[in-house]
Amino acid sequence: MPTRFELHGITFSGPTYKVGLMLSLAGEAFDYVHLDMMAGAHKQPAHMARQRYGQVPLLIDKSNGRHLCQSAAILEYLSDTLGKFGGSTLDERLQAREWLYWDFDRLAAPIYRARTIKLGIRQAPPEVLEDCTKGGQAALKVLDAHLAGRDWLVGEGSPSPISTSMAS
């Protein structure tokens, strides 16, 4: 049976991982297309025509031809279309969205920057690495404190349709 979704990304991309993880947790098979960003594949016309920012991830919904970019927007789309991880009330849906945007602003950004500096992908002085590391650690403390005694960021149930919000 053909898959509905095609995910374009790279192995080291946290945002690509998040989309793949959600598809997997939702039980949705998908095709994965690796983009060779070191060779500049993400800036080529074929990719730019589908992902206007020249980044990853890119999710193609083959059922309707939509090309989606930016992981938070993709995760919201998947939640809406698959009926999973979206929250069972308006308050839960709003809380899930807050966590998505907080993740990009406070958690993923410093962790990603520290990782790329440590891997040598990005050059930066030691004090920048230290600042990124401290920012990531502070965000992880917020996340750990919120998750203390809970299984989910938002909601109380398992990842069944219309029962809970984003996990992990």
Protein backbone atom coordinates (compact mmCIF):
# COMPACT_ATOMS: atom_id res chain seq x y z
CA MET A 1 0.00 0.00 0.00
CA PRO A 2 1.42 3.41 -0.94
CA THR A 3 2.33 5.75 1.88
CA ARG A 4 0.52 9.04 2.35
CA PHE A 5 3.50 11.07 3.55
CA GLU A 6 6.99 11.73 2.21
CA LEU A 7 9.46 13.29 4.64
CA HIS A 8 12.56 15.05 3.28
CA GLY A 9 15.36 15.74 5.74
CA ILE A 10 18.75 14.88 7.16
CA THR A 11 19.82 12.51 9.90
CA PHE A 12 21.14 15.22 12.23
CA SER A 13 18.09 17.47 11.99
CA GLY A 14 16.11 17.67 15.23
CA PRO A 15 13.09 19.11 13.40
CA THR A 16 13.18 16.26 10.86
CA TYR A 17 13.41 13.79 13.74
CA LYS A 18 10.38 15.34 15.48
CA VAL A 19 8.22 14.92 12.37
CA GLY A 20 9.40 11.35 11.80
CA LEU A 21 8.82 10.55 15.48
CA MET A 22 5.28 11.89 15.41
CA LEU A 23 4.47 9.92 12.26
CA SER A 24 5.89 6.79 13.88
CA LEU A 25 4.05 7.30 17.19
CA ALA A 26 0.84 7.89 15.25
CA GLY A 27 1.38 4.56 13.43
CA GLU A 28 1.65 6.31 10.07
CA ALA A 29 4.08 4.78 7.57
CA PHE A 30 6.04 7.30 5.51
CA ASP A 31 8.72 7.50 2.87
CA TYR A 32 11.97 9.20 3.84
CA VAL A 33 14.09 11.14 1.35
CA HIS A 34 17.57 12.13 2.53
CA LEU A 35 18.78 15.57 1.42
CA ASP A 36 22.52 16.04 1.01
CA MET A 37 22.75 19.48 2.58
CA MET A 38 26.56 19.40 2.62
CA ALA A 39 26.36 19.29 -1.18
CA GLY A 40 23.78 22.11 -1.17
CA ALA A 41 20.76 20.03 -2.19
CA HIS A 42 18.54 22.18 0.02
CA LYS A 43 19.34 25.28 -2.07
CA GLN A 44 18.69 23.68 -5.45
CA PRO A 45 15.64 24.83 -7.45
CA ALA A 46 13.86 21.46 -7.12
CA HIS A 47 13.92 21.65 -3.30
CA MET A 48 13.33 25.41 -3.13
CA ALA A 49 10.21 24.99 -5.26
CA ARG A 50 8.77 22.77 -2.52
CA GLN A 51 10.36 24.25 0.62
CA ARG A 52 10.53 28.02 0.23
CA TYR A 53 13.03 28.48 3.07
CA GLY A 54 15.57 26.00 1.69
CA GLN A 55 15.58 24.00 4.92
CA VAL A 56 14.46 20.69 6.33
CA PRO A 57 12.10 19.18 7.08
CA LEU A 58 9.78 19.13 4.12
CA LEU A 59 6.67 16.97 4.42
CA ILE A 60 4.65 16.14 1.35
CA ASP A 61 1.09 14.91 1.88
CA LYS A 62 0.57 12.85 -1.26
CA SER A 63 -3.18 12.62 -0.60
CA ASN A 64 -3.68 16.31 -1.40
CA GLY A 65 -0.34 17.57 -2.77
CA ARG A 66 0.45 19.85 0.17
CA HIS A 67 4.11 20.70 0.75
CA LEU A 68 4.65 21.65 4.38
CA CYS A 69 7.65 23.20 6.07
CA GLN A 70 8.65 24.27 9.58
CA SER A 71 8.37 21.42 12.06
CA ALA A 72 5.89 23.07 14.44
CA ALA A 73 3.48 23.78 11.57
CA ILE A 74 3.95 20.23 10.27
CA LEU A 75 3.28 18.75 13.72
CA GLU A 76 0.08 20.80 14.04
CA TYR A 77 -1.00 19.70 10.57
CA LEU A 78 -0.35 16.05 11.39
CA SER A 79 -2.24 16.38 14.65
CA ASP A 80 -5.21 17.88 12.82
CA THR A 81 -5.21 15.44 9.90
CA LEU A 82 -4.41 12.26 11.85
CA GLY A 83 -6.51 13.14 14.91
CA LYS A 84 -3.71 12.31 17.35
CA PHE A 85 -1.62 14.27 19.86
CA GLY A 86 -3.76 17.37 19.50
CA GLY A 87 -5.42 17.60 22.89
CA SER A 88 -8.98 16.74 23.78
CA THR A 89 -10.02 20.29 24.75
CA LEU A 90 -9.28 23.78 23.50
CA ASP A 91 -7.11 24.40 26.57
CA GLU A 92 -5.05 21.26 25.85
CA ARG A 93 -4.65 22.23 22.19
CA LEU A 94 -3.46 25.69 23.19
CA GLN A 95 -1.05 24.25 25.75
CA ALA A 96 0.36 21.84 23.15
CA ARG A 97 0.95 24.76 20.77
CA GLU A 98 2.67 26.73 23.51
CA TRP A 99 5.05 23.83 24.09
CA LEU A 100 5.77 23.57 20.35
CA TYR A 101 6.75 27.22 20.12
CA TRP A 102 8.59 27.18 23.44
CA ASP A 103 10.60 24.19 22.21
CA PHE A 104 11.82 26.08 19.16
CA ASP A 105 12.56 29.25 21.10
CA ARG A 106 14.08 27.93 24.33
CA LEU A 107 14.99 24.25 24.00
CA ALA A 108 15.88 23.26 20.45
CA ALA A 109 17.75 26.42 19.46
CA PRO A 110 20.50 26.36 22.10
CA ILE A 111 20.85 22.57 21.98
CA TYR A 112 21.09 22.58 18.19
CA ARG A 113 23.64 25.40 18.20
CA ALA A 114 25.79 23.69 20.84
CA ARG A 115 25.64 20.42 18.92
CA THR A 116 26.66 21.98 15.60
CA ILE A 117 29.56 23.78 17.30
CA LYS A 118 30.74 20.57 18.98
CA LEU A 119 30.48 18.66 15.67
CA GLY A 120 32.49 21.35 13.88
CA ILE A 121 29.64 22.21 11.51
CA ARG A 122 29.51 25.73 12.91
CA GLN A 123 32.47 27.74 14.15
CA ALA A 124 32.10 29.75 17.34
CA PRO A 125 34.28 30.88 20.23
CA PRO A 126 34.16 28.89 23.50
CA GLU A 127 31.98 31.46 25.24
CA VAL A 128 29.25 31.01 22.60
CA LEU A 129 29.34 27.24 23.12
CA GLU A 130 29.13 27.79 26.87
CA ASP A 131 26.17 30.16 26.49
CA CYS A 132 24.32 27.71 24.23
CA THR A 133 25.03 24.84 26.61
CA LYS A 134 23.74 26.83 29.59
CA GLY A 135 20.62 27.86 27.67
CA GLY A 136 19.89 24.26 26.72
CA GLN A 137 20.43 23.06 30.29
CA ALA A 138 18.11 25.75 31.65
CA ALA A 139 15.40 24.76 29.17
CA LEU A 140 15.80 21.08 30.03
CA LYS A 141 15.27 21.97 33.71
CA VAL A 142 11.97 23.67 32.81
CA LEU A 143 10.91 20.62 30.80
CA ASP A 144 11.98 18.17 33.53
CA ALA A 145 10.11 20.17 36.18
CA HIS A 146 6.94 20.16 34.09
CA LEU A 147 7.18 16.44 33.39
CA ALA A 148 7.85 15.48 37.03
CA GLY A 149 5.17 12.94 37.90
CA ARG A 150 3.58 13.12 34.42
CA ASP A 151 3.76 10.93 31.33
CA TRP A 152 2.75 13.66 28.89
CA LEU A 153 3.40 17.37 28.46
CA VAL A 154 -0.33 17.97 28.07
CA GLY A 155 -3.23 15.65 28.79
CA GLU A 156 -3.47 12.45 30.73
CA GLY A 157 -3.96 9.60 28.29
CA SER A 158 -2.23 7.49 25.70
CA PRO A 159 -1.63 8.64 22.13
CA SER A 160 -5.03 7.45 20.97
CA PRO A 161 -7.11 9.68 18.71
CA ILE A 162 -8.38 12.86 20.35
CA SER A 163 -7.16 11.91 23.81
CA THR A 164 -3.86 13.64 24.51
CA SER A 165 -1.28 16.06 23.23
CA MET A 166 2.34 16.03 22.20
CA ALA A 167 4.50 13.47 23.92
CA SER A 168 8.29 13.63 24.02
